[in-house]
Amino acid sequence: MQSLQQTKFSILELAPVRDDKSIAFSLQHALELAQHAEKLGYDRLWLAEHHNMDGIASSATAVLLGYILANTQKIRVGSGGIMLPNHAPLVVAEQFGTLATLYPNRIELGLGRAPGTDQTTMRALRRGVQETESQFPQDVVEILQYFADPLPGQRITATPGQSTHVPVWLLGSSLFSAQLAAQLGLPYSFASHFAPRMLGQAIQLYRENFQPSVHLDRPYVSMGVPTVVADSDAEAEYLATSAYQRILGLLRGGSLKLKAPVASMQGLWSAAEKMAVNNFFGMAQIGSAETVKAGLEQLLQRYEVDEFIFTCDIYDTAKRLNNFDLLMQIKQSA
């Protein structure tokens, strides 16, 4: 089994919007985090596509990726993910092909098959086109061909895009994308930062069915891990109440804006809501560096993943940046 030091550390950024700050502040902080991650030596930073959510500012994912790429030098940047049913594959290939042409060897395309939003917003995005999740495999193959060298007689090419060979990942929180990633020989990232239930089963299915390809010669798995790392367990638990309140808002159909931490969640949630939030954060690592190091080592021993991709919902931006400092210190001291 590999050590924490050998495991890649990456970041999934949802550009959280604080309840007392502007969206512009959130977008600027996303760049600040990317620059910070680059200095610290994180392998990649991904942005997630969500729509009609007041607490997530990364909806125009490709546009925000361009802003981050223009203001960093070497960190790999990508989508975690583009929700493919919302988009024509050709448009996605052209957008990411453009980024790959401007910033060679730095852009990655993670693809998801869920809409990343509610049904009403989904209809607004798709303008009456009934793209179904069952079409996802066909759309993925189409995108892969747009990034490859053109075939003789190929009638549609992505310009830019063709021959850029943008690395494509499949993302998922169920077994479907694990199976497809194995079949196509693509790297796989499991969304255990919010849906941890099927993680072990999905990884096993992916590894057992993996077929080597021009993209990848052996299985490669990353897993999402929510984190709140602070100087002490008590401080981390306090800071984590912002994340708890956010998911409580999601469960209730309310605002997802980040709220200030509270001394106690007692009285803010019911027993059933507390259980639901705890299930959401089933893989979360919350505590001091020592506590989180032990937790990450347990995850690594159990799942043997190649990479951790960390999320973090800390209200105070300086403490949020410090969360990623402490995580990298954990890696380097392992």
C-alpha atoms as a PDB file:
ATOM      1  CA  MET A   1       0.000   0.000   0.000  1.00  0.00           C
ATOM      2  CA  GLN A   2       1.270   3.477  -0.844  1.00  0.00           C
ATOM      3  CA  SER A   3       1.829   6.093   1.849  1.00  0.00           C
ATOM      4  CA  LEU A   4       0.152   9.483   2.238  1.00  0.00           C
ATOM      5  CA  GLN A   5       3.363  11.010   0.900  1.00  0.00           C
ATOM      6  CA  GLN A   6       2.977   9.018  -2.333  1.00  0.00           C
ATOM      7  CA  THR A   7      -0.730   9.874  -2.654  1.00  0.00           C
ATOM      8  CA  LYS A   8      -1.602  12.884  -4.797  1.00  0.00           C
ATOM      9  CA  PHE A   9      -3.401  15.742  -3.058  1.00  0.00           C
ATOM     10  CA  SER A  10      -5.811  17.905  -5.069  1.00  0.00           C
ATOM     11  CA  ILE A  11      -8.625  20.395  -4.473  1.00  0.00           C
ATOM     12  CA  LEU A  12     -12.235  20.558  -5.643  1.00  0.00           C
ATOM     13  CA  GLU A  13     -13.409  24.167  -5.492  1.00  0.00           C
ATOM     14  CA  LEU A  14     -17.098  25.092  -5.523  1.00  0.00           C
ATOM     15  CA  ALA A  15     -16.426  28.841  -5.217  1.00  0.00           C
ATOM     16  CA  PRO A  16     -18.580  29.129  -2.063  1.00  0.00           C
ATOM     17  CA  VAL A  17     -20.465  32.398  -1.571  1.00  0.00           C
ATOM     18  CA  ARG A  18     -20.457  33.792   1.968  1.00  0.00           C
ATOM     19  CA  ASP A  19     -23.640  35.311   3.351  1.00  0.00           C
ATOM     20  CA  ASP A  20     -21.830  38.619   3.980  1.00  0.00           C
ATOM     21  CA  LYS A  21     -19.736  38.871   0.795  1.00  0.00           C
ATOM     22  CA  SER A  22     -20.283  39.423  -2.926  1.00  0.00           C
ATOM     23  CA  ILE A  23     -20.010  36.859  -5.701  1.00  0.00           C
ATOM     24  CA  ALA A  24     -17.006  38.819  -6.986  1.00  0.00           C
ATOM     25  CA  PHE A  25     -15.320  38.136  -3.637  1.00  0.00           C
ATOM     26  CA  SER A  26     -15.956  34.397  -4.090  1.00  0.00           C
ATOM     27  CA  LEU A  27     -14.474  34.334  -7.596  1.00  0.00           C
ATOM     28  CA  GLN A  28     -11.413  36.278  -6.473  1.00  0.00           C
ATOM     29  CA  HIS A  29     -10.996  33.901  -3.544  1.00  0.00           C
ATOM     30  CA  ALA A  30     -11.187  30.912  -5.928  1.00  0.00           C
ATOM     31  CA  LEU A  31      -8.183  32.370  -7.760  1.00  0.00           C
ATOM     32  CA  GLU A  32      -6.417  33.088  -4.468  1.00  0.00           C
ATOM     33  CA  LEU A  33      -6.938  29.453  -3.481  1.00  0.00           C
ATOM     34  CA  ALA A  34      -5.592  28.230  -6.843  1.00  0.00           C
ATOM     35  CA  GLN A  35      -2.468  30.386  -6.485  1.00  0.00           C
ATOM     36  CA  HIS A  36      -2.044  29.170  -2.910  1.00  0.00           C
ATOM     37  CA  ALA A  37      -2.489  25.540  -3.987  1.00  0.00           C
ATOM     38  CA  GLU A  38       0.118  26.006  -6.712  1.00  0.00           C
ATOM     39  CA  LYS A  39       2.687  27.311  -4.217  1.00  0.00           C
ATOM     40  CA  LEU A  40       1.933  24.467  -1.822  1.00  0.00           C
ATOM     41  CA  GLY A  41       2.391  21.801  -4.497  1.00  0.00           C
ATOM     42  CA  TYR A  42      -1.148  20.480  -4.970  1.00  0.00           C
ATOM     43  CA  ASP A  43      -1.455  18.345  -8.074  1.00  0.00           C
ATOM     44  CA  ARG A  44      -4.664  19.823  -9.505  1.00  0.00           C
ATOM     45  CA  LEU A  45      -7.550  22.159  -8.752  1.00  0.00           C
ATOM     46  CA  TRP A  46     -10.967  21.417 -10.210  1.00  0.00           C
ATOM     47  CA  LEU A  47     -14.136  23.522 -10.351  1.00  0.00           C
ATOM     48  CA  ALA A  48     -17.621  22.041 -10.075  1.00  0.00           C
ATOM     49  CA  GLU A  49     -20.572  22.975 -12.287  1.00  0.00           C
ATOM     50  CA  HIS A  50     -23.794  23.763 -10.409  1.00  0.00           C
ATOM     51  CA  HIS A  51     -26.719  25.962 -11.410  1.00  0.00           C
ATOM     52  CA  ASN A  52     -29.385  27.999  -9.619  1.00  0.00           C
ATOM     53  CA  MET A  53     -27.579  27.670  -6.283  1.00  0.00           C
ATOM     54  CA  ASP A  54     -26.985  30.947  -4.489  1.00  0.00           C
ATOM     55  CA  GLY A  55     -24.011  29.622  -2.539  1.00  0.00           C
ATOM     56  CA  ILE A  56     -21.966  28.247  -5.485  1.00  0.00           C
ATOM     57  CA  ALA A  57     -20.364  30.676  -7.951  1.00  0.00           C
ATOM     58  CA  SER A  58     -18.703  28.228 -10.378  1.00  0.00           C
ATOM     59  CA  SER A  59     -21.691  27.812 -12.747  1.00  0.00           C
ATOM     60  CA  ALA A  60     -19.835  29.147 -15.821  1.00  0.00           C
ATOM     61  CA  THR A  61     -17.120  26.590 -15.218  1.00  0.00           C
ATOM     62  CA  ALA A  62     -15.061  26.967 -18.405  1.00  0.00           C
ATOM     63  CA  VAL A  63     -15.024  30.772 -18.063  1.00  0.00           C
ATOM     64  CA  LEU A  64     -13.791  30.609 -14.469  1.00  0.00           C
ATOM     65  CA  LEU A  65     -11.177  28.003 -15.454  1.00  0.00           C
ATOM     66  CA  GLY A  66      -9.835  30.467 -18.011  1.00  0.00           C
ATOM     67  CA  TYR A  67      -9.508  33.159 -15.325  1.00  0.00           C
ATOM     68  CA  ILE A  68      -7.597  30.783 -13.056  1.00  0.00           C
ATOM     69  CA  LEU A  69      -5.357  29.442 -15.827  1.00  0.00           C
ATOM     70  CA  ALA A  70      -4.449  33.004 -16.887  1.00  0.00           C
ATOM     71  CA  ASN A  71      -3.322  33.863 -13.364  1.00  0.00           C
ATOM     72  CA  THR A  72      -1.397  30.692 -12.406  1.00  0.00           C
ATOM     73  CA  GLN A  73       1.672  29.113 -13.968  1.00  0.00           C
ATOM     74  CA  LYS A  74       1.762  25.330 -13.645  1.00  0.00           C
ATOM     75  CA  ILE A  75      -0.990  23.761 -11.526  1.00  0.00           C
ATOM     76  CA  ARG A  76      -3.316  21.500 -13.515  1.00  0.00           C
ATOM     77  CA  VAL A  77      -6.816  22.947 -13.639  1.00  0.00           C
ATOM     78  CA  GLY A  78     -10.030  21.246 -14.674  1.00  0.00           C
ATOM     79  CA  SER A  79     -13.704  20.544 -14.202  1.00  0.00           C
ATOM     80  CA  GLY A  80     -15.017  18.331 -11.477  1.00  0.00           C
ATOM     81  CA  GLY A  81     -17.152  18.207 -13.417  1.00  0.00           C
ATOM     82  CA  ILE A  82     -18.915  19.470 -16.455  1.00  0.00           C
ATOM     83  CA  MET A  83     -22.437  18.027 -16.258  1.00  0.00           C
ATOM     84  CA  LEU A  84     -22.541  16.662 -19.783  1.00  0.00           C
ATOM     85  CA  PRO A  85     -26.339  16.315 -20.258  1.00  0.00           C
ATOM     86  CA  ASN A  86     -26.536  20.124 -19.970  1.00  0.00           C
ATOM     87  CA  HIS A  87     -24.254  20.690 -22.972  1.00  0.00           C
ATOM     88  CA  ALA A  88     -23.653  19.685 -26.568  1.00  0.00           C
ATOM     89  CA  PRO A  89     -20.459  17.560 -26.633  1.00  0.00           C
ATOM     90  CA  LEU A  90     -19.053  19.652 -29.495  1.00  0.00           C
ATOM     91  CA  VAL A  91     -19.396  22.873 -27.476  1.00  0.00           C
ATOM     92  CA  VAL A  92     -17.641  21.291 -24.484  1.00  0.00           C
ATOM     93  CA  ALA A  93     -14.827  20.036 -26.743  1.00  0.00           C
ATOM     94  CA  GLU A  94     -14.410  23.496 -28.310  1.00  0.00           C
ATOM     95  CA  GLN A  95     -14.344  25.239 -24.918  1.00  0.00           C
ATOM     96  CA  PHE A  96     -11.797  22.878 -23.387  1.00  0.00           C
ATOM     97  CA  GLY A  97      -9.897  22.608 -26.652  1.00  0.00           C
ATOM     98  CA  THR A  98      -9.533  26.399 -26.599  1.00  0.00           C
ATOM     99  CA  LEU A  99      -8.241  26.299 -23.021  1.00  0.00           C
ATOM    100  CA  ALA A 100      -5.845  23.468 -23.914  1.00  0.00           C
ATOM    101  CA  THR A 101      -4.533  25.457 -26.892  1.00  0.00           C
ATOM    102  CA  LEU A 102      -3.977  28.579 -24.781  1.00  0.00           C
ATOM    103  CA  TYR A 103      -2.573  26.689 -21.770  1.00  0.00           C
ATOM    104  CA  PRO A 104      -0.975  23.459 -23.055  1.00  0.00           C
ATOM    105  CA  ASN A 105      -0.808  20.427 -20.752  1.00  0.00           C
ATOM    106  CA  ARG A 106      -2.669  22.168 -17.924  1.00  0.00           C
ATOM    107  CA  ILE A 107      -6.378  21.607 -18.563  1.00  0.00           C
ATOM    108  CA  GLU A 108      -8.448  18.513 -17.680  1.00  0.00           C
ATOM    109  CA  LEU A 109     -12.066  17.646 -18.365  1.00  0.00           C
ATOM    110  CA  GLY A 110     -13.987  15.782 -15.683  1.00  0.00           C
ATOM    111  CA  LEU A 111     -17.453  14.721 -16.845  1.00  0.00           C
ATOM    112  CA  GLY A 112     -20.580  13.928 -14.838  1.00  0.00           C
ATOM    113  CA  ARG A 113     -23.888  12.523 -16.081  1.00  0.00           C
ATOM    114  CA  ALA A 114     -26.228  14.222 -13.578  1.00  0.00           C
ATOM    115  CA  PRO A 115     -27.694  17.679 -14.287  1.00  0.00           C
ATOM    116  CA  GLY A 116     -26.165  19.275 -11.174  1.00  0.00           C
ATOM    117  CA  THR A 117     -29.357  21.183 -10.502  1.00  0.00           C
ATOM    118  CA  ASP A 118     -33.132  20.882 -10.130  1.00  0.00           C
ATOM    119  CA  GLN A 119     -35.587  19.829 -12.859  1.00  0.00           C
ATOM    120  CA  THR A 120     -36.859  23.354 -13.595  1.00  0.00           C
ATOM    121  CA  THR A 121     -33.339  24.736 -14.006  1.00  0.00           C
ATOM    122  CA  MET A 122     -32.401  21.703 -16.089  1.00  0.00           C
ATOM    123  CA  ARG A 123     -35.151  22.571 -18.558  1.00  0.00           C
ATOM    124  CA  ALA A 124     -33.932  26.181 -18.689  1.00  0.00           C
ATOM    125  CA  LEU A 125     -30.408  24.974 -19.467  1.00  0.00           C
ATOM    126  CA  ARG A 126     -31.444  22.524 -22.155  1.00  0.00           C
ATOM    127  CA  ARG A 127     -34.035  24.700 -23.910  1.00  0.00           C
ATOM    128  CA  GLY A 128     -36.425  21.815 -24.580  1.00  0.00           C
ATOM    129  CA  VAL A 129     -33.769  19.358 -25.761  1.00  0.00           C
ATOM    130  CA  GLN A 130     -34.500  16.119 -23.903  1.00  0.00           C
ATOM    131  CA  GLU A 131     -30.938  14.929 -23.401  1.00  0.00           C
ATOM    132  CA  THR A 132     -31.098  11.895 -21.125  1.00  0.00           C
ATOM    133  CA  GLU A 133     -28.513  10.430 -18.797  1.00  0.00           C
ATOM    134  CA  SER A 134     -28.683   7.209 -20.843  1.00  0.00           C
ATOM    135  CA  GLN A 135     -27.009   9.097 -23.709  1.00  0.00           C
ATOM    136  CA  PHE A 136     -23.972   9.840 -21.526  1.00  0.00           C
ATOM    137  CA  PRO A 137     -21.720   6.992 -22.822  1.00  0.00           C
ATOM    138  CA  GLN A 138     -22.287   8.037 -26.439  1.00  0.00           C
ATOM    139  CA  ASP A 139     -21.558  11.701 -25.573  1.00  0.00           C
ATOM    140  CA  VAL A 140     -18.322  10.777 -23.765  1.00  0.00           C
ATOM    141  CA  VAL A 141     -17.081   8.789 -26.775  1.00  0.00           C
ATOM    142  CA  GLU A 142     -17.973  11.742 -29.024  1.00  0.00           C
ATOM    143  CA  ILE A 143     -15.909  14.135 -26.885  1.00  0.00           C
ATOM    144  CA  LEU A 144     -12.946  11.750 -26.838  1.00  0.00           C
ATOM    145  CA  GLN A 145     -12.983  11.710 -30.643  1.00  0.00           C
ATOM    146  CA  TYR A 146     -13.133  15.515 -30.823  1.00  0.00           C
ATOM    147  CA  PHE A 147      -9.909  15.666 -28.747  1.00  0.00           C
ATOM    148  CA  ALA A 148      -8.187  12.905 -30.753  1.00  0.00           C
ATOM    149  CA  ASP A 149      -6.539  13.161 -34.163  1.00  0.00           C
ATOM    150  CA  PRO A 150      -9.272  13.397 -36.800  1.00  0.00           C
ATOM    151  CA  LEU A 151     -10.281  10.231 -38.618  1.00  0.00           C
ATOM    152  CA  PRO A 152     -10.289  10.072 -42.436  1.00  0.00           C
ATOM    153  CA  GLY A 153     -13.580  11.533 -43.647  1.00  0.00           C
ATOM    154  CA  GLN A 154     -14.579  12.851 -40.203  1.00  0.00           C
ATOM    155  CA  ARG A 155     -17.347  15.346 -40.959  1.00  0.00           C
ATOM    156  CA  ILE A 156     -17.298  17.333 -37.714  1.00  0.00           C
ATOM    157  CA  THR A 157     -14.134  18.493 -35.982  1.00  0.00           C
ATOM    158  CA  ALA A 158     -13.655  20.667 -32.916  1.00  0.00           C
ATOM    159  CA  THR A 159     -11.621  23.758 -33.740  1.00  0.00           C
ATOM    160  CA  PRO A 160      -9.882  24.297 -31.361  1.00  0.00           C
ATOM    161  CA  GLY A 161     -10.024  20.830 -29.788  1.00  0.00           C
ATOM    162  CA  GLN A 162      -8.942  18.307 -32.387  1.00  0.00           C
ATOM    163  CA  SER A 163      -5.550  16.708 -31.581  1.00  0.00           C
ATOM    164  CA  THR A 164      -5.311  18.493 -28.210  1.00  0.00           C
ATOM    165  CA  HIS A 165      -5.752  15.163 -26.359  1.00  0.00           C
ATOM    166  CA  VAL A 166      -7.276  16.851 -23.318  1.00  0.00           C
ATOM    167  CA  PRO A 167      -7.287  14.297 -20.443  1.00  0.00           C
ATOM    168  CA  VAL A 168     -10.856  13.171 -19.725  1.00  0.00           C
ATOM    169  CA  TRP A 169     -12.008  11.833 -16.352  1.00  0.00           C
ATOM    170  CA  LEU A 170     -15.332  10.313 -15.431  1.00  0.00           C
ATOM    171  CA  LEU A 171     -16.950  11.355 -12.165  1.00  0.00           C
ATOM    172  CA  GLY A 172     -19.698   9.570 -10.318  1.00  0.00           C
ATOM    173  CA  SER A 173     -21.525   8.794  -7.102  1.00  0.00           C
ATOM    174  CA  SER A 174     -22.957   5.453  -8.266  1.00  0.00           C
ATOM    175  CA  LEU A 175     -21.789   2.389 -10.176  1.00  0.00           C
ATOM    176  CA  PHE A 176     -22.709   3.595 -13.682  1.00  0.00           C
ATOM    177  CA  SER A 177     -19.708   5.849 -14.326  1.00  0.00           C
ATOM    178  CA  ALA A 178     -17.349   3.389 -12.612  1.00  0.00           C
ATOM    179  CA  GLN A 179     -18.348   0.753 -15.149  1.00  0.00           C
ATOM    180  CA  LEU A 180     -18.057   3.186 -18.078  1.00  0.00           C
ATOM    181  CA  ALA A 181     -14.668   4.544 -16.939  1.00  0.00           C
ATOM    182  CA  ALA A 182     -13.384   0.956 -16.712  1.00  0.00           C
ATOM    183  CA  GLN A 183     -14.734   0.103 -20.160  1.00  0.00           C
ATOM    184  CA  LEU A 184     -13.197   3.202 -21.804  1.00  0.00           C
ATOM    185  CA  GLY A 185      -9.925   3.029 -19.855  1.00  0.00           C
ATOM    186  CA  LEU A 186     -10.333   6.474 -18.247  1.00  0.00           C
ATOM    187  CA  PRO A 187      -9.377   7.758 -14.781  1.00  0.00           C
ATOM    188  CA  TYR A 188     -12.257   7.754 -12.284  1.00  0.00           C
ATOM    189  CA  SER A 189     -13.127  10.138  -9.471  1.00  0.00           C
ATOM    190  CA  PHE A 190     -15.799   9.156  -6.944  1.00  0.00           C
ATOM    191  CA  ALA A 191     -17.935  11.929  -5.424  1.00  0.00           C
ATOM    192  CA  SER A 192     -17.556  10.678  -1.860  1.00  0.00           C
ATOM    193  CA  HIS A 193     -17.361  14.288  -0.658  1.00  0.00           C
ATOM    194  CA  PHE A 194     -21.173  14.268  -0.727  1.00  0.00           C
ATOM    195  CA  ALA A 195     -22.326  10.699  -1.547  1.00  0.00           C
ATOM    196  CA  PRO A 196     -20.003   8.208   0.133  1.00  0.00           C
ATOM    197  CA  ARG A 197     -22.344   5.219   0.333  1.00  0.00           C
ATOM    198  CA  MET A 198     -21.239   3.286  -2.774  1.00  0.00           C
ATOM    199  CA  LEU A 199     -17.546   4.265  -2.762  1.00  0.00           C
ATOM    200  CA  GLY A 200     -16.062   0.832  -2.009  1.00  0.00           C
ATOM    201  CA  GLN A 201     -18.336  -0.986  -4.425  1.00  0.00           C
ATOM    202  CA  ALA A 202     -17.669   1.515  -7.239  1.00  0.00           C
ATOM    203  CA  ILE A 203     -13.882   1.331  -6.822  1.00  0.00           C
ATOM    204  CA  GLN A 204     -13.956  -2.478  -6.840  1.00  0.00           C
ATOM    205  CA  LEU A 205     -16.144  -2.543  -9.962  1.00  0.00           C
ATOM    206  CA  TYR A 206     -13.866  -0.054 -11.719  1.00  0.00           C
ATOM    207  CA  ARG A 207     -10.653  -1.909 -10.912  1.00  0.00           C
ATOM    208  CA  GLU A 208     -11.970  -5.368 -11.719  1.00  0.00           C
ATOM    209  CA  ASN A 209     -13.330  -4.298 -15.127  1.00  0.00           C
ATOM    210  CA  PHE A 210     -10.640  -1.824 -16.193  1.00  0.00           C
ATOM    211  CA  GLN A 211      -9.467  -2.132 -19.793  1.00  0.00           C
ATOM    212  CA  PRO A 212      -6.144  -0.422 -20.644  1.00  0.00           C
ATOM    213  CA  SER A 213      -6.483   2.250 -23.340  1.00  0.00           C
ATOM    214  CA  VAL A 214      -4.557   4.957 -25.170  1.00  0.00           C
ATOM    215  CA  HIS A 215      -5.593   7.213 -22.275  1.00  0.00           C
ATOM    216  CA  LEU A 216      -4.475   5.095 -19.313  1.00  0.00           C
ATOM    217  CA  ASP A 217      -2.631   1.812 -18.840  1.00  0.00           C
ATOM    218  CA  ARG A 218      -3.873   0.962 -15.361  1.00  0.00           C
ATOM    219  CA  PRO A 219      -6.803   1.979 -13.111  1.00  0.00           C
ATOM    220  CA  TYR A 220      -6.526   5.385 -11.452  1.00  0.00           C
ATOM    221  CA  VAL A 221      -8.928   6.429  -8.686  1.00  0.00           C
ATOM    222  CA  SER A 222      -9.418   9.656  -6.787  1.00  0.00           C
ATOM    223  CA  MET A 223     -11.940  10.158  -3.998  1.00  0.00           C
ATOM    224  CA  GLY A 224     -13.568  13.321  -2.712  1.00  0.00           C
ATOM    225  CA  VAL A 225     -12.910  14.127   0.949  1.00  0.00           C
ATOM    226  CA  PRO A 226     -14.487  17.064   2.828  1.00  0.00           C
ATOM    227  CA  THR A 227     -11.986  18.613   5.239  1.00  0.00           C
ATOM    228  CA  VAL A 228     -11.877  21.043   8.117  1.00  0.00           C
ATOM    229  CA  VAL A 229      -8.357  21.086   9.542  1.00  0.00           C
ATOM    230  CA  ALA A 230      -7.437  23.528  12.313  1.00  0.00           C
ATOM    231  CA  ASP A 231      -5.008  23.930  15.192  1.00  0.00           C
ATOM    232  CA  SER A 232      -7.149  21.799  17.494  1.00  0.00           C
ATOM    233  CA  ASP A 233     -10.017  19.316  17.284  1.00  0.00           C
ATOM    234  CA  ALA A 234     -12.264  21.763  19.121  1.00  0.00           C
ATOM    235  CA  GLU A 235     -11.576  24.622  16.701  1.00  0.00           C
ATOM    236  CA  ALA A 236     -12.121  22.327  13.704  1.00  0.00           C
ATOM    237  CA  GLU A 237     -15.473  21.149  15.069  1.00  0.00           C
ATOM    238  CA  TYR A 238     -16.478  24.767  15.583  1.00  0.00           C
ATOM    239  CA  LEU A 239     -15.447  25.769  12.033  1.00  0.00           C
ATOM    240  CA  ALA A 240     -17.254  22.721  10.594  1.00  0.00           C
ATOM    241  CA  THR A 241     -20.619  24.089  11.724  1.00  0.00           C
ATOM    242  CA  SER A 242     -20.539  26.349   8.629  1.00  0.00           C
ATOM    243  CA  ALA A 243     -20.461  23.234   6.428  1.00  0.00           C
ATOM    244  CA  TYR A 244     -23.213  21.598   8.501  1.00  0.00           C
ATOM    245  CA  GLN A 245     -25.445  24.671   8.137  1.00  0.00           C
ATOM    246  CA  ARG A 246     -24.838  24.694   4.394  1.00  0.00           C
ATOM    247  CA  ILE A 247     -26.003  21.109   3.925  1.00  0.00           C
ATOM    248  CA  LEU A 248     -28.916  21.763   6.243  1.00  0.00           C
ATOM    249  CA  GLY A 249     -29.915  24.534   3.837  1.00  0.00           C
ATOM    250  CA  LEU A 250     -29.634  22.077   0.941  1.00  0.00           C
ATOM    251  CA  LEU A 251     -31.853  19.529   2.708  1.00  0.00           C
ATOM    252  CA  ARG A 252     -34.466  22.194   3.411  1.00  0.00           C
ATOM    253  CA  GLY A 253     -34.386  23.722  -0.075  1.00  0.00           C
ATOM    254  CA  GLY A 254     -33.018  26.963   1.353  1.00  0.00           C
ATOM    255  CA  SER A 255     -29.939  29.122   0.832  1.00  0.00           C
ATOM    256  CA  LEU A 256     -26.550  27.470   0.323  1.00  0.00           C
ATOM    257  CA  LYS A 257     -24.584  30.569   1.255  1.00  0.00           C
ATOM    258  CA  LEU A 258     -21.837  29.933   3.783  1.00  0.00           C
ATOM    259  CA  LYS A 259     -22.831  31.059   7.255  1.00  0.00           C
ATOM    260  CA  ALA A 260     -20.602  31.956  10.180  1.00  0.00           C
ATOM    261  CA  PRO A 261     -19.772  29.071  12.523  1.00  0.00           C
ATOM    262  CA  VAL A 262     -21.862  28.621  15.659  1.00  0.00           C
ATOM    263  CA  ALA A 263     -20.976  27.347  19.113  1.00  0.00           C
ATOM    264  CA  SER A 264     -23.463  24.485  18.799  1.00  0.00           C
ATOM    265  CA  MET A 265     -25.802  23.000  16.204  1.00  0.00           C
ATOM    266  CA  GLN A 266     -28.178  22.057  19.015  1.00  0.00           C
ATOM    267  CA  GLY A 267     -31.587  23.499  18.225  1.00  0.00           C
ATOM    268  CA  LEU A 268     -30.667  24.244  14.603  1.00  0.00           C
ATOM    269  CA  TRP A 269     -31.408  20.740  13.289  1.00  0.00           C
ATOM    270  CA  SER A 270     -33.706  17.861  14.096  1.00  0.00           C
ATOM    271  CA  ALA A 271     -32.410  14.380  14.895  1.00  0.00           C
ATOM    272  CA  ALA A 272     -33.291  13.229  11.363  1.00  0.00           C
ATOM    273  CA  GLU A 273     -31.558  16.233   9.800  1.00  0.00           C
ATOM    274  CA  LYS A 274     -28.467  15.659  11.929  1.00  0.00           C
ATOM    275  CA  MET A 275     -28.317  12.059  10.704  1.00  0.00           C
ATOM    276  CA  ALA A 276     -28.719  13.156   7.078  1.00  0.00           C
ATOM    277  CA  VAL A 277     -25.927  15.749   7.403  1.00  0.00           C
ATOM    278  CA  ASN A 278     -23.665  13.183   9.079  1.00  0.00           C
ATOM    279  CA  ASN A 279     -24.322  10.744   6.222  1.00  0.00           C
ATOM    280  CA  PHE A 280     -23.445  13.455   3.700  1.00  0.00           C
ATOM    281  CA  PHE A 281     -20.134  13.982   5.511  1.00  0.00           C
ATOM    282  CA  GLY A 282     -19.425  10.269   5.949  1.00  0.00           C
ATOM    283  CA  MET A 283     -15.863  10.633   4.592  1.00  0.00           C
ATOM    284  CA  ALA A 284     -15.170  14.052   6.152  1.00  0.00           C
ATOM    285  CA  GLN A 285     -11.907  14.603   7.998  1.00  0.00           C
ATOM    286  CA  ILE A 286     -12.441  17.169  10.738  1.00  0.00           C
ATOM    287  CA  GLY A 287      -9.912  17.936  13.455  1.00  0.00           C
ATOM    288  CA  SER A 288      -6.316  18.853  14.179  1.00  0.00           C
ATOM    289  CA  ALA A 289      -3.543  17.875  11.768  1.00  0.00           C
ATOM    290  CA  GLU A 290      -2.812  14.843  13.939  1.00  0.00           C
ATOM    291  CA  THR A 291      -6.455  13.705  13.922  1.00  0.00           C
ATOM    292  CA  VAL A 292      -6.876  14.245  10.177  1.00  0.00           C
ATOM    293  CA  LYS A 293      -3.604  12.495   9.378  1.00  0.00           C
ATOM    294  CA  ALA A 294      -4.836   9.382  11.210  1.00  0.00           C
ATOM    295  CA  GLY A 295      -8.183   9.622   9.398  1.00  0.00           C
ATOM    296  CA  LEU A 296      -6.592   9.941   5.955  1.00  0.00           C
ATOM    297  CA  GLU A 297      -4.303   6.998   6.650  1.00  0.00           C
ATOM    298  CA  GLN A 298      -7.375   4.918   7.532  1.00  0.00           C
ATOM    299  CA  LEU A 299      -9.092   5.935   4.278  1.00  0.00           C
ATOM    300  CA  LEU A 300      -5.959   5.068   2.316  1.00  0.00           C
ATOM    301  CA  GLN A 301      -5.640   1.696   4.013  1.00  0.00           C
ATOM    302  CA  ARG A 302      -9.291   0.884   3.323  1.00  0.00           C
ATOM    303  CA  TYR A 303      -9.674   2.129  -0.269  1.00  0.00           C
ATOM    304  CA  GLU A 304      -6.071   2.316  -1.598  1.00  0.00           C
ATOM    305  CA  VAL A 305      -6.895   5.291  -3.819  1.00  0.00           C
ATOM    306  CA  ASP A 306      -4.294   7.065  -5.922  1.00  0.00           C
ATOM    307  CA  GLU A 307      -5.456  10.554  -5.010  1.00  0.00           C
ATOM    308  CA  PHE A 308      -7.487  12.546  -2.513  1.00  0.00           C
ATOM    309  CA  ILE A 309      -9.399  15.541  -3.862  1.00  0.00           C
ATOM    310  CA  PHE A 310     -10.361  17.783  -0.955  1.00  0.00           C
ATOM    311  CA  THR A 311     -13.302  20.117  -0.464  1.00  0.00           C
ATOM    312  CA  CYS A 312     -13.524  22.682   2.307  1.00  0.00           C
ATOM    313  CA  ASP A 313     -16.354  24.901   3.536  1.00  0.00           C
ATOM    314  CA  ILE A 314     -14.710  27.145   6.114  1.00  0.00           C
ATOM    315  CA  TYR A 315     -16.261  30.607   6.507  1.00  0.00           C
ATOM    316  CA  ASP A 316     -13.100  32.577   7.309  1.00  0.00           C
ATOM    317  CA  THR A 317     -11.030  32.757   4.102  1.00  0.00           C
ATOM    318  CA  ALA A 318      -7.666  32.875   5.920  1.00  0.00           C
ATOM    319  CA  LYS A 319      -8.608  29.774   7.925  1.00  0.00           C
ATOM    320  CA  ARG A 320      -9.819  28.133   4.696  1.00  0.00           C
ATOM    321  CA  LEU A 321      -6.415  28.690   3.079  1.00  0.00           C
ATOM    322  CA  ASN A 322      -4.764  27.421   6.265  1.00  0.00           C
ATOM    323  CA  ASN A 323      -6.822  24.214   5.965  1.00  0.00           C
ATOM    324  CA  PHE A 324      -4.918  23.423   2.761  1.00  0.00           C
ATOM    325  CA  ASP A 325      -1.583  24.415   4.353  1.00  0.00           C
ATOM    326  CA  LEU A 326      -2.190  21.915   7.134  1.00  0.00           C
ATOM    327  CA  LEU A 327      -3.232  19.185   4.698  1.00  0.00           C
ATOM    328  CA  MET A 328      -0.011  19.577   2.736  1.00  0.00           C
ATOM    329  CA  GLN A 329       2.001  19.517   5.974  1.00  0.00           C
ATOM    330  CA  ILE A 330       0.274  16.212   6.791  1.00  0.00           C
ATOM    331  CA  LYS A 331       1.333  14.801   3.410  1.00  0.00           C
ATOM    332  CA  GLN A 332       4.929  15.986   3.710  1.00  0.00           C
ATOM    333  CA  SER A 333       5.330  14.684   7.272  1.00  0.00           C
ATOM    334  CA  ALA A 334       3.871  11.227   6.508  1.00  0.00           C
END
